[in-house]
């Protein structure tokens, strides 16, 4: 269940940079959280970067990063972001967790949210923070991770996992998805979409969407499902079935389902539910429509069905969601 955070006037995000950090992933928190503002243009997050001892951090590139803070900055964090280091895959148990990293992780307050990007799941698992929890990591290292951390419920094929307090993601692009997800939890889709526009990235890819993995690139064809997906988005209020979508695409159900999953990472039914839920959340945030009317408009049919889907997705009722994120 997603952990919905209150709307802090200034939510403090602390980025923990460890040796071998990947510069692109190190920059994500500052870029995304730094672009989030309220209606008056005031920043919603303060982002600071620290290293265990406050000294420059070696990256996996041909330069080092100078930081302004040491690990004591973590004690005042509302959210801690741990970007990946290529060295993390060598952390296979608690004894192989470098002492500076272990000491820094121990300084994170118990009520602070933690976001691990890509293989940053390795040091978190070594510290015992992921025991008994679902988690994601890069698909390339999934089997290696599972071998060494059997207490973690690894979801090897998803973009990110929201486990309440601790959030984990797959590769670098999935880190963008994860941080936008956190912004959406804090301040609603309006702010998250605004950040996505400013950073010129897709506003939302759900965590359950499949990772991109190495496989032969299919021959380009005009017989994809994108046209049918656009067609379906204009008809979410209708009781669309797999047969309707396949007929529109002029494919058999089996072929359509296979191509749809290859292009989106989801089954047609999962994708429709996601799109309907996204629209419902938008309408809850931006209109005064009754919950029953919203359920009909997005194709869930009844308010009971809408409540069930919303509770499954983020753990709250439509009324609570509207009170929290009403623009």
Protein backbone atom coordinates (compact mmCIF):
# COMPACT_ATOMS: atom_id res chain seq x y z
CA UNK A 1 0.00 0.00 0.00
CA UNK A 2 1.35 3.43 -0.88
CA UNK A 3 2.37 5.64 2.00
CA UNK A 4 0.69 8.99 1.39
CA UNK A 5 2.68 11.89 2.79
CA UNK A 6 1.33 15.11 4.13
CA UNK A 7 1.88 18.28 2.14
CA UNK A 8 4.96 19.67 3.86
CA UNK A 9 5.58 23.38 3.33
CA UNK A 10 9.21 22.38 2.69
CA UNK A 11 9.90 18.67 2.52
CA UNK A 12 13.61 17.93 3.01
CA UNK A 13 15.15 15.47 0.56
CA UNK A 14 18.69 14.28 1.32
CA UNK A 15 20.64 12.48 -1.41
CA UNK A 16 23.29 10.07 -0.13
CA UNK A 17 26.21 9.86 -2.57
CA UNK A 18 28.50 6.87 -2.09
CA UNK A 19 31.75 5.98 -3.86
CA UNK A 20 31.29 4.98 -7.48
CA UNK A 21 28.00 6.87 -7.77
CA UNK A 22 26.52 7.19 -11.25
CA UNK A 23 26.32 10.95 -12.03
CA UNK A 24 23.05 10.78 -13.96
CA UNK A 25 21.25 9.04 -11.13
CA UNK A 26 22.85 11.35 -8.57
CA UNK A 27 21.25 14.33 -10.34
CA UNK A 28 17.69 12.99 -10.54
CA UNK A 29 16.47 14.08 -7.10
CA UNK A 30 17.73 17.63 -7.47
CA UNK A 31 16.29 17.94 -10.96
CA UNK A 32 12.85 16.48 -10.26
CA UNK A 33 12.13 17.52 -6.68
CA UNK A 34 13.74 20.88 -7.43
CA UNK A 35 11.20 21.50 -10.21
CA UNK A 36 8.18 21.00 -7.92
CA UNK A 37 6.49 24.25 -6.91
CA UNK A 38 3.14 25.28 -5.47
CA UNK A 39 0.60 27.53 -7.19
CA UNK A 40 2.54 30.61 -6.09
CA UNK A 41 5.79 29.28 -7.54
CA UNK A 42 7.32 28.46 -4.16
CA UNK A 43 9.51 25.34 -3.98
CA UNK A 44 7.92 22.35 -2.30
CA UNK A 45 11.16 20.53 -1.57
CA UNK A 46 14.61 21.35 -0.24
CA UNK A 47 17.20 19.04 -1.77
CA UNK A 48 20.68 18.60 -0.29
CA UNK A 49 23.42 16.12 -1.16
CA UNK A 50 25.76 14.48 1.30
CA UNK A 51 28.55 11.95 1.42
CA UNK A 52 29.44 9.86 4.48
CA UNK A 53 32.23 12.23 5.53
CA UNK A 54 31.42 15.39 3.56
CA UNK A 55 34.40 14.86 1.27
CA UNK A 56 34.30 14.65 -2.53
CA UNK A 57 32.81 11.46 -3.92
CA UNK A 58 34.35 9.40 -6.68
CA UNK A 59 31.91 8.69 -9.52
CA UNK A 60 31.95 5.92 -12.09
CA UNK A 61 33.03 8.54 -14.64
CA UNK A 62 36.34 10.38 -14.94
CA UNK A 63 35.47 13.02 -12.32
CA UNK A 64 34.52 13.38 -8.68
CA UNK A 65 31.61 15.23 -7.09
CA UNK A 66 32.07 17.83 -4.36
CA UNK A 67 29.26 17.90 -1.79
CA UNK A 68 28.36 20.43 0.89
CA UNK A 69 27.22 18.07 3.66
CA UNK A 70 28.28 14.97 5.55
CA UNK A 71 26.03 12.14 6.68
CA UNK A 72 24.68 14.08 9.66
CA UNK A 73 22.36 15.76 7.11
CA UNK A 74 20.44 12.48 6.97
CA UNK A 75 19.15 12.96 10.51
CA UNK A 76 16.88 15.79 9.35
CA UNK A 77 15.59 14.09 6.20
CA UNK A 78 11.95 13.57 5.30
CA UNK A 79 13.01 11.57 2.24
CA UNK A 80 16.39 9.96 1.56
CA UNK A 81 17.38 9.15 -2.01
CA UNK A 82 20.17 6.63 -2.61
CA UNK A 83 21.42 6.79 -6.23
CA UNK A 84 23.21 3.76 -7.63
CA UNK A 85 26.91 3.02 -7.63
CA UNK A 86 28.37 0.36 -9.90
CA UNK A 87 30.11 -1.03 -6.81
CA UNK A 88 26.83 -1.96 -5.11
CA UNK A 89 26.54 -5.33 -6.86
CA UNK A 90 29.57 -6.46 -4.82
CA UNK A 91 27.60 -5.93 -1.61
CA UNK A 92 26.24 -9.43 -1.06
CA UNK A 93 25.68 -9.46 2.72
CA UNK A 94 26.05 -7.27 5.78
CA UNK A 95 29.76 -8.02 6.13
CA UNK A 96 30.47 -6.68 2.62
CA UNK A 97 28.57 -3.43 3.21
CA UNK A 98 31.27 -0.72 3.49
CA UNK A 99 31.40 0.78 6.96
CA UNK A 100 30.83 4.39 5.75
CA UNK A 101 27.66 3.29 3.93
CA UNK A 102 26.41 1.25 6.89
CA UNK A 103 27.01 4.13 9.30
CA UNK A 104 25.26 6.60 6.98
CA UNK A 105 22.22 4.36 6.51
CA UNK A 106 21.96 3.96 10.28
CA UNK A 107 21.52 7.73 10.60
CA UNK A 108 18.29 7.78 8.56
CA UNK A 109 15.33 8.53 10.89
CA UNK A 110 12.88 5.64 11.27
CA UNK A 111 10.03 7.77 9.89
CA UNK A 112 11.94 9.03 6.86
CA UNK A 113 10.98 7.72 3.44
CA UNK A 114 13.75 5.98 1.48
CA UNK A 115 14.01 5.81 -2.31
CA UNK A 116 16.63 3.49 -3.80
CA UNK A 117 17.42 3.90 -7.49
CA UNK A 118 18.44 0.87 -9.54
CA UNK A 119 20.99 -1.38 -7.77
CA UNK A 120 20.79 0.72 -4.60
CA UNK A 121 18.56 -2.08 -3.38
CA UNK A 122 21.78 -4.00 -2.64
CA UNK A 123 23.09 -1.83 0.24
CA UNK A 124 19.56 -1.45 1.64
CA UNK A 125 19.14 -5.22 1.62
CA UNK A 126 22.54 -5.73 3.22
CA UNK A 127 21.54 -3.35 6.01
CA UNK A 128 18.39 -5.41 6.60
CA UNK A 129 16.06 -2.61 5.55
CA UNK A 130 14.32 -4.72 2.89
CA UNK A 131 13.79 -7.92 4.88
CA UNK A 132 10.27 -9.21 4.28
CA UNK A 133 9.44 -6.42 1.83
CA UNK A 134 8.81 -6.39 -1.92
CA UNK A 135 11.53 -4.64 -3.91
CA UNK A 136 12.78 -3.94 -7.41
CA UNK A 137 16.24 -3.73 -8.92
CA UNK A 138 17.75 -3.71 -12.40
CA UNK A 139 16.73 -6.83 -14.33
CA UNK A 140 20.36 -7.61 -15.22
CA UNK A 141 21.24 -8.15 -11.56
CA UNK A 142 17.93 -9.67 -10.42
CA UNK A 143 19.11 -13.28 -10.10
CA UNK A 144 22.32 -12.18 -8.37
CA UNK A 145 20.25 -10.16 -5.92
CA UNK A 146 17.78 -12.97 -5.27
CA UNK A 147 20.59 -15.44 -4.56
CA UNK A 148 22.12 -13.27 -1.86
CA UNK A 149 18.98 -11.73 -0.38
CA UNK A 150 16.33 -14.46 -0.16
CA UNK A 151 14.51 -12.56 2.61
CA UNK A 152 13.55 -9.85 0.11
CA UNK A 153 10.50 -10.42 -2.07
CA UNK A 154 12.12 -9.36 -5.34
CA UNK A 155 9.86 -8.28 -8.22
CA UNK A 156 12.39 -8.61 -11.04
CA UNK A 157 10.34 -7.29 -13.96
CA UNK A 158 8.73 -4.08 -12.68
CA UNK A 159 9.82 -0.46 -12.92
CA UNK A 160 9.51 0.34 -9.23
CA UNK A 161 7.97 -0.94 -6.02
CA UNK A 162 6.17 1.14 -3.40
CA UNK A 163 6.53 -0.81 -0.13
CA UNK A 164 5.27 1.97 2.14
CA UNK A 165 8.28 3.56 3.75
CA UNK A 166 10.86 2.13 1.33
CA UNK A 167 10.65 2.52 -2.43
CA UNK A 168 12.94 0.78 -4.92
CA UNK A 169 13.30 1.11 -8.67
CA UNK A 170 14.88 -0.59 -11.66
CA UNK A 171 17.29 1.26 -13.96
CA UNK A 172 17.99 4.95 -14.30
CA UNK A 173 14.84 5.86 -16.25
CA UNK A 174 12.77 3.93 -13.72
CA UNK A 175 14.31 6.18 -11.07
CA UNK A 176 12.60 9.10 -12.79
CA UNK A 177 9.31 7.20 -12.66
CA UNK A 178 9.82 6.47 -8.97
CA UNK A 179 10.60 10.06 -7.98
CA UNK A 180 7.61 11.35 -9.96
CA UNK A 181 5.53 8.75 -8.11
CA UNK A 182 6.71 10.19 -4.78
CA UNK A 183 5.90 13.72 -5.89
CA UNK A 184 2.46 12.49 -6.96
CA UNK A 185 1.92 10.90 -3.54
CA UNK A 186 2.91 14.12 -1.79
CA UNK A 187 1.17 16.72 -3.94
CA UNK A 188 -1.07 15.01 -6.50
CA UNK A 189 -0.87 14.46 -10.23
CA UNK A 190 -1.11 18.16 -11.03
CA UNK A 191 2.27 18.95 -9.49
CA UNK A 192 3.83 15.70 -10.74
CA UNK A 193 2.66 16.40 -14.29
CA UNK A 194 4.01 19.94 -14.04
CA UNK A 195 7.42 18.56 -13.03
CA UNK A 196 7.32 16.05 -15.87
CA UNK A 197 6.57 18.81 -18.38
CA UNK A 198 9.40 20.96 -17.10
CA UNK A 199 11.83 18.06 -17.31
CA UNK A 200 10.37 16.82 -20.64
CA UNK A 201 9.76 13.26 -19.43
CA UNK A 202 6.64 11.05 -19.50
CA UNK A 203 4.35 12.07 -16.61
CA UNK A 204 3.51 8.57 -15.46
CA UNK A 205 4.55 4.98 -15.98
CA UNK A 206 3.05 2.72 -13.34
CA UNK A 207 5.42 0.66 -11.20
CA UNK A 208 3.96 -2.60 -12.45
CA UNK A 209 4.94 -1.87 -16.04
CA UNK A 210 7.61 -4.24 -17.31
CA UNK A 211 11.26 -3.27 -17.50
CA UNK A 212 12.90 -3.11 -20.90
CA UNK A 213 15.19 -6.11 -21.22
CA UNK A 214 17.49 -7.36 -23.94
CA UNK A 215 15.51 -9.09 -26.66
CA UNK A 216 15.49 -8.98 -30.47
CA UNK A 217 14.02 -5.72 -31.78
CA UNK A 218 10.83 -6.54 -33.71
CA UNK A 219 10.62 -5.48 -37.31
CA UNK A 220 8.90 -2.14 -37.59
CA UNK A 221 5.29 -2.42 -38.71
CA UNK A 222 2.18 -0.30 -38.84
CA UNK A 223 0.27 -3.13 -37.17
CA UNK A 224 0.99 -2.05 -33.59
CA UNK A 225 -1.54 -1.24 -30.89
CA UNK A 226 -0.90 2.48 -30.42
CA UNK A 227 -3.82 3.55 -32.63
CA UNK A 228 -6.16 1.25 -30.75
CA UNK A 229 -4.88 2.56 -27.41
CA UNK A 230 -5.61 6.12 -28.52
CA UNK A 231 -9.06 4.99 -29.67
CA UNK A 232 -9.72 3.34 -26.30
CA UNK A 233 -8.70 6.45 -24.36
CA UNK A 234 -11.59 8.30 -25.98
CA UNK A 235 -13.98 5.54 -24.91
CA UNK A 236 -13.00 4.72 -21.34
CA UNK A 237 -16.62 5.29 -20.30
CA UNK A 238 -17.71 2.39 -22.48
CA UNK A 239 -17.57 -1.29 -21.35
CA UNK A 240 -14.56 -2.10 -23.53
CA UNK A 241 -13.63 -5.77 -23.82
CA UNK A 242 -10.60 -7.52 -25.26
CA UNK A 243 -12.69 -8.44 -28.31
CA UNK A 244 -13.52 -4.76 -28.95
CA UNK A 245 -9.85 -3.78 -28.84
CA UNK A 246 -8.71 -6.69 -31.00
CA UNK A 247 -11.44 -6.01 -33.56
CA UNK A 248 -10.43 -2.36 -33.78
CA UNK A 249 -6.80 -3.37 -34.34
CA UNK A 250 -7.93 -6.01 -36.87
CA UNK A 251 -6.05 -8.75 -35.05
CA UNK A 252 -6.93 -12.00 -33.37
CA UNK A 253 -7.27 -11.76 -29.60
CA UNK A 254 -4.10 -13.80 -29.10
CA UNK A 255 -2.01 -11.67 -31.48
CA UNK A 256 -3.39 -8.44 -30.07
CA UNK A 257 -2.69 -9.48 -26.47
CA UNK A 258 0.87 -10.53 -27.33
CA UNK A 259 1.65 -7.29 -29.18
CA UNK A 260 -0.08 -5.15 -26.57
CA UNK A 261 2.01 -6.64 -23.77
CA UNK A 262 5.20 -6.29 -25.80
CA UNK A 263 4.48 -2.58 -26.36
CA UNK A 264 3.18 -1.60 -22.91
CA UNK A 265 4.36 -4.26 -20.48
CA UNK A 266 0.73 -4.78 -19.42
CA UNK A 267 -2.23 -6.88 -20.45
CA UNK A 268 -5.07 -4.98 -22.14
CA UNK A 269 -7.18 -5.35 -19.00
CA UNK A 270 -4.43 -4.04 -16.72
CA UNK A 271 -3.81 -1.10 -19.05
CA UNK A 272 -7.51 -0.17 -19.18
CA UNK A 273 -7.76 -0.26 -15.39
CA UNK A 274 -4.67 1.94 -15.10
CA UNK A 275 -6.00 4.50 -17.58
CA UNK A 276 -9.40 4.60 -15.88
CA UNK A 277 -7.80 5.05 -12.49
CA UNK A 278 -5.55 7.84 -13.77
CA UNK A 279 -8.57 9.67 -15.19
CA UNK A 280 -10.55 9.14 -11.98
CA UNK A 281 -7.73 10.62 -9.91
CA UNK A 282 -7.54 13.60 -12.24
CA UNK A 283 -11.28 14.21 -11.97
CA UNK A 284 -11.18 13.89 -8.17
CA UNK A 285 -8.43 16.52 -8.07
CA UNK A 286 -9.89 18.98 -10.56
CA UNK A 287 -13.70 18.73 -10.47
CA UNK A 288 -16.62 18.65 -8.04
CA UNK A 289 -18.22 15.68 -9.77
CA UNK A 290 -19.80 13.14 -7.42
CA UNK A 291 -17.86 9.91 -6.96
CA UNK A 292 -20.70 7.96 -8.60
CA UNK A 293 -20.56 10.23 -11.65
CA UNK A 294 -16.78 9.92 -11.89
CA UNK A 295 -17.04 6.13 -11.71
CA UNK A 296 -19.48 6.16 -14.63
CA UNK A 297 -17.41 8.63 -16.63
CA UNK A 298 -14.20 6.61 -16.40
CA UNK A 299 -15.82 3.26 -17.07
CA UNK A 300 -15.75 1.66 -13.62
CA UNK A 301 -19.55 1.66 -13.61
CA UNK A 302 -20.19 2.02 -9.88
CA UNK A 303 -18.64 3.96 -7.04
CA UNK A 304 -18.00 0.65 -5.27
CA UNK A 305 -15.72 -0.51 -8.09
CA UNK A 306 -13.91 2.84 -8.15
CA UNK A 307 -13.37 2.68 -4.39
CA UNK A 308 -11.96 -0.83 -4.65
CA UNK A 309 -9.49 0.08 -7.41
CA UNK A 310 -8.38 3.30 -5.72
CA UNK A 311 -7.87 1.56 -2.38
CA UNK A 312 -5.86 -1.20 -4.05
CA UNK A 313 -3.69 1.34 -5.87
CA UNK A 314 -2.95 3.86 -3.13
CA UNK A 315 -4.77 2.70 -0.01
CA UNK A 316 -7.34 5.49 0.37
CA UNK A 317 -10.97 6.23 -0.45
CA UNK A 318 -12.02 8.69 -3.18
CA UNK A 319 -13.12 11.18 -0.53
CA UNK A 320 -9.78 11.09 1.25
CA UNK A 321 -7.92 11.39 -2.03
CA UNK A 322 -9.99 14.42 -3.06
CA UNK A 323 -9.48 16.18 0.30
CA UNK A 324 -5.75 15.57 0.10
CA UNK A 325 -5.11 16.61 -3.50
CA UNK A 326 -7.96 18.96 -4.47
CA UNK A 327 -6.50 21.78 -6.53
